[in-house]
Amino acid sequence: MIRRLVQRVQDRVQTLLAGKPRTRRAPKHIPVSEHGIDRSLVSRAAIRTCEALQAAGFRAYIVGGAVRDLLLGIAPKDFDVATDATPEQIKSHFRRAIIIGRRFRLVHVMFGGETIETSTFRALGAGERDTDEHGRVLADNTFGEQHEDAARRDFTVNALYYDPTRQEVLDYHDGVRDVRRRRLRIIGNPEARYREDPVRMLRAVRFAAKLGFEIDPATREPIGRLAPLIENVPAARLFDEMLKLLTSGHAVGCIERLRAEGLHHGVLPLLDVILDQPEGERFIMLALSRTDERVRAGKHIAPGFLFATLLWNEVLSQWKARVARGEHRLPALEEAIDRVLEVQTEKLAIQRRYTADMREIWMMQPRFERRHGQAPVRLLEHLRLRAGYDFLQLRCDCGEAPAELGHWWTQFLHADSQTRTQMAAQRPASAPAPRKRRRGARRRAPESPQPVALSTQGEGNREP
């Protein structure tokens, strides 16, 4: 008995020294009368996933942020399930299921257009965990018990398990209490948990801004000191996290939180762009606030348009510098775009399909200045006209481009064919001088396209 007591004390000391979270083997069982979750907000696909695994003799629960949102009365966008079944066992019980992941093996269970990410309970001990010299976990596929899985999760409000069959919540770390107090608290030693996965620092800021939670003082304290660890995170994962942050519906709040917590300057390339350009901050904040409005309204967000706004001021400054050195405007813009994208894609893995959209939006801007003759008519045929026009409106609204330019294009896009011909025949006072044409056969003027139905309310955030 004494030997057993000594062993428990030794295990506890080793856990504290290693920064591992303290495990609570028996959770609190919170009935529906206390937690008040509305089952109608729960995805039918998530319920079916749990029911199928439970019918096969396994334990299965809806877990993570979905449970947190349900407790707040918010309909979750995504649902995850955790179970004691292995990935192979999970896959065998569903007609459409695939095993994915290298760092963490998961199963995507598909019902129609909905995908339920299903994982096996993870062990808390080191086991087969592969880490780098900074303590970041590279691979971990050691399965364990549910209480270990709960201790492995990042924040107490995300370590909650909801059984849709019995309609009860299993709470190992007082996460329900923290949800009610609107407090974000990390599980275990904050510094050790951030070293395991530096992205947790960004997640803390995103959750606090999105949910209106206060970050617990002990959870907040190491963030400023450990911010440089984010440089060790793969660029593709950083891109995904930044995209989540900027499309959370609280991008402006997230940027303010990142500043407050010291996660800036040299940590994230795009964050440096946002915070280190005072002359372009108004443009960027206006773009982010309109993006937030679209997200809250349930409208689609085009990442290419969003990243085009974030990097525009850098493109603009290089473009102006090249023109000042005597380069022609369009070739100078192309060179500026090439240089900016070359630098940013090395630091942050922006996908090629997004950079293609960004390039077209940027290259369209000088074309909006040509409003005489057939130039505006030909621009109507551009596939990215909607996005380019909305980008122009942002420039006008923040004072970078003349308001008269945006007003002219709004009238032109909504006009009929005859009115467009009249508008294009009148040279605006601010229009650039016409280019001298070379001698040769006269080109036939194209027919004027039909009016384009465009909205001025951020339609560039929609994929054409």
Protein backbone atom coordinates (compact mmCIF):
# COMPACT_ATOMS: atom_id res chain seq x y z
CA MET A 1 0.00 0.00 0.00
CA ILE A 2 2.87 2.37 0.88
CA ARG A 3 4.65 1.41 -2.33
CA ARG A 4 1.50 2.22 -4.30
CA LEU A 5 1.20 5.61 -2.56
CA VAL A 6 4.84 6.43 -3.30
CA GLN A 7 4.35 5.47 -6.95
CA ARG A 8 1.33 7.77 -7.23
CA VAL A 9 3.32 10.66 -5.74
CA GLN A 10 6.19 10.01 -8.15
CA ASP A 11 3.82 9.90 -11.12
CA ARG A 12 2.23 13.17 -10.02
CA VAL A 13 5.62 14.89 -9.66
CA GLN A 14 6.72 13.66 -13.11
CA THR A 15 3.47 14.91 -14.61
CA LEU A 16 3.96 18.36 -13.11
CA LEU A 17 7.59 18.55 -14.23
CA ALA A 18 6.67 17.49 -17.76
CA GLY A 19 3.89 20.06 -17.88
CA LYS A 20 1.25 17.43 -18.59
CA PRO A 21 -2.34 18.17 -17.62
CA ARG A 22 -3.72 16.51 -14.56
CA THR A 23 -6.25 13.84 -15.48
CA ARG A 24 -9.61 13.33 -13.87
CA ARG A 25 -10.69 9.76 -14.51
CA ALA A 26 -14.35 10.18 -13.58
CA PRO A 27 -16.18 12.99 -15.41
CA LYS A 28 -19.12 15.01 -14.20
CA HIS A 29 -22.32 13.74 -15.81
CA ILE A 30 -24.47 16.77 -16.56
CA PRO A 31 -28.09 16.01 -17.54
CA VAL A 32 -30.14 17.95 -20.06
CA SER A 33 -32.03 19.65 -17.25
CA GLU A 34 -28.77 21.40 -16.30
CA HIS A 35 -26.93 21.93 -19.58
CA GLY A 36 -30.04 22.82 -21.61
CA ILE A 37 -28.70 21.80 -25.04
CA ASP A 38 -31.33 22.03 -27.77
CA ARG A 39 -31.12 18.69 -29.60
CA SER A 40 -32.69 20.24 -32.72
CA LEU A 41 -29.44 22.16 -33.24
CA VAL A 42 -27.46 18.90 -33.47
CA SER A 43 -26.57 17.58 -36.90
CA ARG A 44 -28.54 14.50 -37.86
CA ALA A 45 -25.38 13.07 -39.45
CA ALA A 46 -23.49 13.43 -36.15
CA ILE A 47 -26.31 11.70 -34.27
CA ARG A 48 -26.34 8.84 -36.78
CA THR A 49 -22.56 8.46 -36.45
CA CYS A 50 -22.82 8.15 -32.67
CA GLU A 51 -25.79 5.81 -32.82
CA ALA A 52 -24.10 3.46 -35.33
CA LEU A 53 -20.94 3.16 -33.22
CA GLN A 54 -22.89 2.75 -29.97
CA ALA A 55 -25.02 0.04 -31.58
CA ALA A 56 -21.78 -1.79 -32.45
CA GLY A 57 -20.74 -1.75 -28.78
CA PHE A 58 -18.45 1.29 -28.81
CA ARG A 59 -18.65 4.55 -26.91
CA ALA A 60 -19.17 7.60 -29.14
CA TYR A 61 -19.73 11.27 -28.35
CA ILE A 62 -19.99 14.60 -30.11
CA VAL A 63 -16.95 16.48 -28.90
CA GLY A 64 -15.09 19.78 -28.97
CA GLY A 65 -16.23 23.16 -30.24
CA ALA A 66 -19.64 21.86 -31.29
CA VAL A 67 -20.54 21.06 -27.68
CA ARG A 68 -19.23 24.46 -26.58
CA ASP A 69 -21.38 26.22 -29.18
CA LEU A 70 -24.45 24.15 -28.27
CA LEU A 71 -24.06 25.23 -24.64
CA LEU A 72 -24.00 28.84 -25.86
CA GLY A 73 -27.16 28.28 -27.91
CA ILE A 74 -25.24 28.58 -31.21
CA ALA A 75 -25.83 26.19 -34.10
CA PRO A 76 -22.37 24.67 -34.83
CA LYS A 77 -21.01 24.75 -38.37
CA ASP A 78 -19.06 21.51 -37.97
CA PHE A 79 -19.43 18.42 -35.81
CA ASP A 80 -16.68 16.08 -34.58
CA VAL A 81 -17.14 12.69 -32.94
CA ALA A 82 -14.75 10.91 -30.56
CA THR A 83 -14.92 7.18 -29.85
CA ASP A 84 -12.99 4.24 -28.42
CA ALA A 85 -13.18 2.47 -31.81
CA THR A 86 -9.99 2.41 -33.89
CA PRO A 87 -9.93 4.10 -37.33
CA GLU A 88 -10.26 0.73 -39.06
CA GLN A 89 -13.23 -0.23 -36.85
CA ILE A 90 -14.91 3.12 -37.49
CA LYS A 91 -14.48 2.79 -41.24
CA SER A 92 -15.96 -0.72 -41.30
CA HIS A 93 -19.31 0.49 -39.93
CA PHE A 94 -20.06 3.11 -42.58
CA ARG A 95 -20.64 2.86 -46.29
CA ARG A 96 -18.85 6.12 -47.09
CA ALA A 97 -15.82 6.62 -44.84
CA ILE A 98 -12.12 7.24 -45.46
CA ILE A 99 -9.11 7.26 -43.14
CA ILE A 100 -7.02 10.42 -43.44
CA GLY A 101 -4.13 12.11 -41.66
CA ARG A 102 -0.53 11.40 -40.89
CA ARG A 103 0.10 13.45 -37.77
CA PHE A 104 -3.27 12.31 -36.35
CA ARG A 105 -5.20 9.51 -38.06
CA LEU A 106 -8.88 10.39 -38.42
CA VAL A 107 -11.90 9.04 -40.25
CA HIS A 108 -14.16 11.19 -42.42
CA VAL A 109 -17.66 9.74 -42.28
CA MET A 110 -19.81 11.17 -45.08
CA PHE A 111 -23.57 11.57 -45.22
CA GLY A 112 -24.60 13.31 -48.43
CA GLY A 113 -22.73 16.63 -48.49
CA GLU A 114 -21.91 16.57 -44.77
CA THR A 115 -18.69 15.13 -43.33
CA ILE A 116 -18.32 14.08 -39.69
CA GLU A 117 -14.69 14.00 -38.55
CA THR A 118 -14.38 10.99 -36.26
CA SER A 119 -11.32 10.33 -34.09
CA THR A 120 -10.19 7.65 -31.65
CA PHE A 121 -9.50 8.58 -28.01
CA ARG A 122 -5.82 9.60 -27.70
CA ALA A 123 -3.44 8.52 -24.96
CA LEU A 124 -1.88 11.10 -22.67
CA GLY A 125 1.55 9.46 -22.24
CA ALA A 126 4.46 10.11 -24.56
CA GLY A 127 4.21 6.68 -26.22
CA GLU A 128 4.92 6.97 -29.94
CA ARG A 129 4.73 10.75 -30.01
CA ASP A 130 7.36 12.31 -32.26
CA THR A 131 8.43 15.85 -31.34
CA ASP A 132 10.95 18.37 -32.68
CA GLU A 133 13.64 20.19 -30.68
CA HIS A 134 11.12 22.84 -29.58
CA GLY A 135 8.63 20.30 -28.22
CA ARG A 136 6.16 20.56 -31.12
CA VAL A 137 4.33 17.27 -31.73
CA LEU A 138 5.05 15.94 -35.23
CA ALA A 139 3.17 12.64 -35.08
CA ASP A 140 0.99 10.94 -32.48
CA ASN A 141 -1.21 7.92 -33.10
CA THR A 142 -1.23 6.30 -29.66
CA PHE A 143 -4.79 5.47 -28.62
CA GLY A 144 -5.96 5.65 -25.00
CA GLU A 145 -8.89 6.19 -22.64
CA GLN A 146 -11.50 8.91 -22.72
CA HIS A 147 -10.12 10.75 -19.67
CA GLU A 148 -6.72 10.88 -21.38
CA ASP A 149 -8.31 12.18 -24.57
CA ALA A 150 -10.00 14.95 -22.56
CA ALA A 151 -6.68 15.94 -20.95
CA ARG A 152 -5.05 16.06 -24.39
CA ARG A 153 -7.43 18.73 -25.70
CA ASP A 154 -6.37 22.36 -25.70
CA PHE A 155 -8.95 24.33 -23.70
CA THR A 156 -11.42 23.26 -21.04
CA VAL A 157 -14.37 24.57 -23.08
CA ASN A 158 -13.32 22.23 -25.93
CA ALA A 159 -12.92 19.14 -23.71
CA LEU A 160 -16.63 18.38 -23.41
CA TYR A 161 -18.39 15.22 -24.62
CA TYR A 162 -22.08 15.15 -25.54
CA ASP A 163 -23.99 11.88 -25.83
CA PRO A 164 -26.96 12.63 -28.14
CA THR A 165 -28.63 9.34 -27.19
CA ARG A 166 -28.73 9.96 -23.44
CA GLN A 167 -28.56 13.75 -23.89
CA GLU A 168 -25.91 14.23 -21.24
CA VAL A 169 -22.60 16.08 -21.19
CA LEU A 170 -19.42 14.50 -19.78
CA ASP A 171 -17.15 17.15 -18.28
CA TYR A 172 -13.61 16.25 -17.11
CA HIS A 173 -12.13 19.73 -16.61
CA ASP A 174 -14.98 22.03 -15.51
CA GLY A 175 -15.47 23.20 -19.07
CA VAL A 176 -19.19 23.84 -18.57
CA ARG A 177 -18.37 26.18 -15.69
CA ASP A 178 -15.85 28.04 -17.87
CA VAL A 179 -18.41 28.37 -20.68
CA ARG A 180 -20.88 29.93 -18.25
CA ARG A 181 -18.19 32.27 -16.92
CA ARG A 182 -17.07 33.03 -20.50
CA ARG A 183 -13.48 32.20 -19.64
CA LEU A 184 -10.87 30.56 -21.85
CA ARG A 185 -8.53 28.32 -19.85
CA ILE A 186 -5.91 25.93 -21.21
CA ILE A 187 -5.66 22.38 -19.85
CA GLY A 188 -2.35 21.68 -18.12
CA ASN A 189 0.82 23.76 -18.06
CA PRO A 190 0.32 26.61 -20.57
CA GLU A 191 3.96 26.87 -21.65
CA ALA A 192 4.29 23.12 -22.23
CA ARG A 193 1.02 23.00 -24.18
CA TYR A 194 2.07 25.92 -26.40
CA ARG A 195 5.40 24.25 -27.08
CA GLU A 196 3.57 21.06 -28.11
CA ASP A 197 1.54 23.06 -30.63
CA PRO A 198 2.30 26.79 -31.06
CA VAL A 199 -0.88 27.24 -33.11
CA ARG A 200 -2.76 27.02 -29.79
CA MET A 201 -1.70 30.62 -29.14
CA LEU A 202 -3.50 31.73 -32.30
CA ARG A 203 -6.50 29.59 -31.41
CA ALA A 204 -6.69 31.23 -27.98
CA VAL A 205 -6.89 34.65 -29.59
CA ARG A 206 -9.43 33.51 -32.21
CA PHE A 207 -11.74 31.86 -29.67
CA ALA A 208 -11.55 34.83 -27.30
CA ALA A 209 -12.47 37.27 -30.07
CA LYS A 210 -15.12 35.06 -31.65
CA LEU A 211 -16.87 34.05 -28.43
CA GLY A 212 -16.28 37.21 -26.41
CA PHE A 213 -14.39 35.21 -23.75
CA GLU A 214 -11.67 36.47 -21.45
CA ILE A 215 -8.38 34.58 -21.58
CA ASP A 216 -7.41 33.20 -18.17
CA PRO A 217 -4.32 35.07 -16.80
CA ALA A 218 -2.23 31.89 -16.51
CA THR A 219 -3.22 30.93 -20.07
CA ARG A 220 -2.30 34.36 -21.41
CA GLU A 221 1.02 34.93 -19.62
CA PRO A 222 3.40 32.83 -21.82
CA ILE A 223 1.97 33.92 -25.18
CA GLY A 224 4.16 36.98 -25.67
CA ARG A 225 7.32 35.07 -24.71
CA LEU A 226 6.60 32.03 -26.88
CA ALA A 227 5.26 33.85 -29.96
CA PRO A 228 8.46 33.18 -32.00
CA LEU A 229 7.69 29.43 -31.84
CA ILE A 230 5.03 30.00 -34.49
CA GLU A 231 7.88 30.34 -37.00
CA ASN A 232 8.41 26.57 -36.64
CA VAL A 233 4.87 25.74 -37.78
CA PRO A 234 4.55 24.53 -41.41
CA ALA A 235 3.46 27.30 -43.80
CA ALA A 236 0.42 25.35 -45.02
CA ARG A 237 -0.91 24.97 -41.47
CA LEU A 238 -0.32 28.65 -40.75
CA PHE A 239 -2.28 29.54 -43.88
CA ASP A 240 -5.21 27.41 -42.72
CA GLU A 241 -5.17 29.01 -39.27
CA MET A 242 -4.95 32.54 -40.67
CA LEU A 243 -7.84 31.77 -43.03
CA LYS A 244 -9.95 30.57 -40.08
CA LEU A 245 -9.03 33.69 -38.12
CA LEU A 246 -9.84 36.10 -40.94
CA THR A 247 -13.12 34.36 -41.90
CA SER A 248 -14.35 33.81 -38.34
CA GLY A 249 -16.79 36.72 -38.59
CA HIS A 250 -14.66 38.56 -36.01
CA ALA A 251 -11.53 39.34 -38.03
CA VAL A 252 -11.27 42.91 -36.75
CA GLY A 253 -11.55 41.71 -33.14
CA CYS A 254 -8.97 38.98 -33.81
CA ILE A 255 -6.49 41.52 -35.18
CA GLU A 256 -6.96 43.71 -32.10
CA ARG A 257 -6.46 40.68 -29.81
CA LEU A 258 -3.33 39.62 -31.67
CA ARG A 259 -1.90 43.07 -31.03
CA ALA A 260 -2.88 42.98 -27.37
CA GLU A 261 -1.31 39.56 -26.80
CA GLY A 262 1.96 40.42 -28.55
CA LEU A 263 1.48 38.06 -31.51
CA HIS A 264 2.82 40.44 -34.11
CA HIS A 265 5.98 41.67 -35.84
CA GLY A 266 7.91 38.82 -37.42
CA VAL A 267 5.50 36.10 -36.33
CA LEU A 268 3.09 35.93 -39.28
CA PRO A 269 3.86 37.44 -42.70
CA LEU A 270 0.28 38.56 -43.42
CA LEU A 271 -0.09 39.91 -39.90
CA ASP A 272 2.99 42.07 -40.45
CA VAL A 273 1.39 43.40 -43.62
CA ILE A 274 -1.75 44.36 -41.70
CA LEU A 275 -0.07 45.96 -38.70
CA ASP A 276 3.02 47.59 -40.20
CA GLN A 277 1.39 49.75 -42.87
CA PRO A 278 -0.47 52.65 -41.22
CA GLU A 279 -1.28 54.22 -44.59
CA GLY A 280 -3.04 51.04 -45.72
CA GLU A 281 -4.62 50.07 -42.40
CA ARG A 282 -7.86 51.91 -43.14
CA PHE A 283 -8.27 50.00 -46.40
CA ILE A 284 -7.54 46.65 -44.75
CA MET A 285 -9.77 47.23 -41.74
CA LEU A 286 -12.62 48.31 -44.02
CA ALA A 287 -12.18 45.11 -46.05
CA LEU A 288 -12.12 42.97 -42.89
CA SER A 289 -15.18 44.66 -41.39
CA ARG A 290 -17.15 44.01 -44.58
CA THR A 291 -15.91 40.43 -44.58
CA ASP A 292 -17.18 40.08 -40.99
CA GLU A 293 -20.58 41.40 -42.08
CA ARG A 294 -20.78 38.82 -44.87
CA VAL A 295 -19.80 35.94 -42.59
CA ARG A 296 -22.42 36.92 -40.00
CA ALA A 297 -25.02 37.15 -42.75
CA GLY A 298 -24.17 33.60 -43.84
CA LYS A 299 -22.74 34.69 -47.21
CA HIS A 300 -19.81 33.05 -48.99
CA ILE A 301 -16.29 34.44 -48.64
CA ALA A 302 -13.76 34.20 -51.50
CA PRO A 303 -10.27 33.79 -49.96
CA GLY A 304 -8.62 35.17 -53.11
CA PHE A 305 -10.47 38.48 -52.73
CA LEU A 306 -9.64 38.64 -49.02
CA PHE A 307 -5.92 38.04 -49.49
CA ALA A 308 -5.88 40.52 -52.38
CA THR A 309 -7.03 43.22 -49.96
CA LEU A 310 -4.44 42.24 -47.35
CA LEU A 311 -1.50 42.44 -49.76
CA TRP A 312 -2.69 45.33 -51.93
CA ASN A 313 -0.86 48.09 -50.08
CA GLU A 314 2.44 46.24 -50.50
CA VAL A 315 1.74 45.81 -54.22
CA LEU A 316 0.69 49.45 -54.50
CA SER A 317 3.85 50.80 -52.85
CA GLN A 318 6.13 48.74 -55.10
CA TRP A 319 4.07 49.70 -58.16
CA LYS A 320 4.37 53.41 -57.40
CA ALA A 321 8.12 53.07 -56.80
CA ARG A 322 8.63 51.42 -60.19
CA VAL A 323 6.54 54.03 -62.01
CA ALA A 324 8.54 56.78 -60.29
CA ARG A 325 11.71 55.19 -61.72
CA GLY A 326 10.29 55.57 -65.22
CA GLU A 327 8.76 52.12 -65.86
CA HIS A 328 5.52 51.85 -67.82
CA ARG A 329 2.46 51.44 -65.59
CA LEU A 330 1.19 47.99 -66.60
CA PRO A 331 4.58 46.23 -66.78
CA ALA A 332 5.49 47.92 -63.49
CA LEU A 333 2.32 46.56 -61.88
CA GLU A 334 3.02 43.06 -63.19
CA GLU A 335 6.55 43.15 -61.76
CA ALA A 336 5.30 44.44 -58.40
CA ILE A 337 2.74 41.63 -58.22
CA ASP A 338 5.37 39.02 -59.09
CA ARG A 339 7.72 40.23 -56.34
CA VAL A 340 5.04 40.40 -53.64
CA LEU A 341 3.60 36.98 -54.43
CA GLU A 342 7.07 35.46 -54.60
CA VAL A 343 7.89 36.64 -51.08
CA GLN A 344 4.51 35.86 -49.53
CA THR A 345 4.06 32.40 -51.02
CA GLU A 346 7.44 31.38 -49.59
CA LYS A 347 6.42 32.44 -46.07
CA LEU A 348 2.75 31.52 -46.23
CA ALA A 349 1.46 28.71 -48.44
CA ILE A 350 -1.22 30.64 -50.35
CA GLN A 351 -2.70 28.20 -52.82
CA ARG A 352 -2.14 28.84 -56.53
CA ARG A 353 -5.86 29.11 -57.29
CA TYR A 354 -6.06 32.02 -54.84
CA THR A 355 -2.97 33.79 -56.18
CA ALA A 356 -4.43 33.59 -59.70
CA ASP A 357 -7.58 35.37 -58.50
CA MET A 358 -5.49 37.96 -56.64
CA ARG A 359 -3.42 38.71 -59.75
CA GLU A 360 -6.51 39.24 -61.93
CA ILE A 361 -8.16 41.54 -59.36
CA TRP A 362 -5.02 43.67 -59.08
CA MET A 363 -4.36 43.84 -62.84
CA MET A 364 -7.94 45.00 -63.42
CA GLN A 365 -7.54 48.18 -61.32
CA PRO A 366 -5.72 50.38 -63.90
CA ARG A 367 -8.19 49.19 -66.54
CA PHE A 368 -11.02 50.83 -64.59
CA GLU A 369 -9.33 54.18 -65.23
CA ARG A 370 -9.88 53.85 -68.99
CA ARG A 371 -13.51 54.91 -69.47
CA HIS A 372 -13.47 56.15 -73.07
CA GLY A 373 -14.18 54.24 -76.26
CA GLN A 374 -14.33 50.45 -76.25
CA ALA A 375 -12.08 49.92 -73.18
CA PRO A 376 -14.92 49.87 -70.58
CA VAL A 377 -17.08 47.71 -72.88
CA ARG A 378 -14.35 45.10 -73.25
CA LEU A 379 -13.82 45.04 -69.49
CA LEU A 380 -17.43 43.88 -69.04
CA GLU A 381 -16.41 40.52 -70.51
CA HIS A 382 -13.79 39.84 -67.80
CA LEU A 383 -14.59 36.76 -65.70
CA ARG A 384 -13.46 38.50 -62.49
CA LEU A 385 -15.28 41.78 -63.16
CA ARG A 386 -17.48 41.42 -60.08
CA ALA A 387 -14.49 40.95 -57.76
CA GLY A 388 -12.46 43.69 -59.46
CA TYR A 389 -15.36 46.15 -59.20
CA ASP A 390 -15.88 45.47 -55.50
CA PHE A 391 -12.14 45.89 -54.94
CA LEU A 392 -12.34 49.27 -56.71
CA GLN A 393 -15.23 50.30 -54.46
CA LEU A 394 -13.10 49.53 -51.38
CA ARG A 395 -10.34 51.74 -52.76
CA CYS A 396 -12.84 54.54 -53.37
CA ASP A 397 -14.47 54.23 -49.96
CA CYS A 398 -11.16 54.58 -48.14
CA GLY A 399 -10.02 57.52 -50.27
CA GLU A 400 -7.26 55.78 -52.25
CA ALA A 401 -9.14 56.09 -55.56
CA PRO A 402 -11.45 58.98 -56.59
CA ALA A 403 -15.05 58.51 -55.46
CA GLU A 404 -16.14 59.78 -58.88
CA LEU A 405 -14.44 56.76 -60.51
CA GLY A 406 -16.43 54.27 -58.44
CA HIS A 407 -19.66 56.20 -59.04
CA TRP A 408 -19.09 56.20 -62.83
CA TRP A 409 -18.58 52.44 -62.91
CA THR A 410 -21.64 51.80 -60.75
CA GLN A 411 -23.74 53.76 -63.27
CA PHE A 412 -22.07 52.10 -66.25
CA LEU A 413 -22.60 48.55 -64.96
CA HIS A 414 -26.31 49.13 -64.34
CA ALA A 415 -26.99 51.08 -67.52
CA ASP A 416 -28.55 49.81 -70.74
CA SER A 417 -26.60 49.47 -73.99
CA GLN A 418 -27.53 52.91 -75.35
CA THR A 419 -26.59 54.71 -72.11
CA ARG A 420 -23.27 52.87 -71.97
CA THR A 421 -22.44 54.00 -75.50
CA GLN A 422 -23.16 57.61 -74.53
CA MET A 423 -21.08 57.36 -71.33
CA ALA A 424 -18.10 55.80 -73.14
CA ALA A 425 -18.25 58.53 -75.82
CA GLN A 426 -17.76 61.27 -73.22
CA ARG A 427 -14.21 61.53 -71.96
CA PRO A 428 -14.17 62.06 -68.16
CA ALA A 429 -12.00 64.95 -66.98
CA SER A 430 -9.87 62.57 -64.86
CA ALA A 431 -9.45 59.95 -67.60
CA PRO A 432 -5.88 59.22 -68.82
CA ALA A 433 -4.85 60.50 -72.22
CA PRO A 434 -5.54 58.15 -75.13
CA ARG A 435 -2.69 56.03 -76.43
CA LYS A 436 -1.43 56.60 -79.97
CA ARG A 437 -2.39 53.68 -82.15
CA ARG A 438 -0.07 52.24 -84.75
CA ARG A 439 -1.05 52.40 -88.36
CA GLY A 440 -2.79 49.33 -89.62
CA ALA A 441 -6.17 47.83 -90.34
CA ARG A 442 -8.93 49.31 -88.25
CA ARG A 443 -10.39 46.83 -85.81
CA ARG A 444 -14.10 46.30 -85.80
CA ALA A 445 -15.75 47.59 -82.65
CA PRO A 446 -17.29 44.77 -80.60
CA GLU A 447 -20.96 44.78 -79.81
CA SER A 448 -21.85 46.19 -76.41
CA PRO A 449 -22.70 43.41 -73.92
CA GLN A 450 -25.98 43.44 -72.05
CA PRO A 451 -26.14 45.17 -68.64
CA VAL A 452 -24.38 43.32 -65.84
CA ALA A 453 -26.35 42.82 -62.62
CA LEU A 454 -23.95 43.72 -59.83
CA SER A 455 -24.40 44.63 -56.21
CA THR A 456 -22.21 47.09 -54.35
CA GLN A 457 -22.44 45.05 -51.16
CA GLY A 458 -19.19 43.08 -51.22
CA GLU A 459 -20.08 40.71 -54.07
CA GLY A 460 -16.38 40.29 -54.82
CA ASN A 461 -16.30 37.87 -51.93
CA ARG A 462 -18.34 35.44 -53.98
CA GLU A 463 -16.73 33.00 -56.36
CA PRO A 464 -17.93 33.80 -59.92
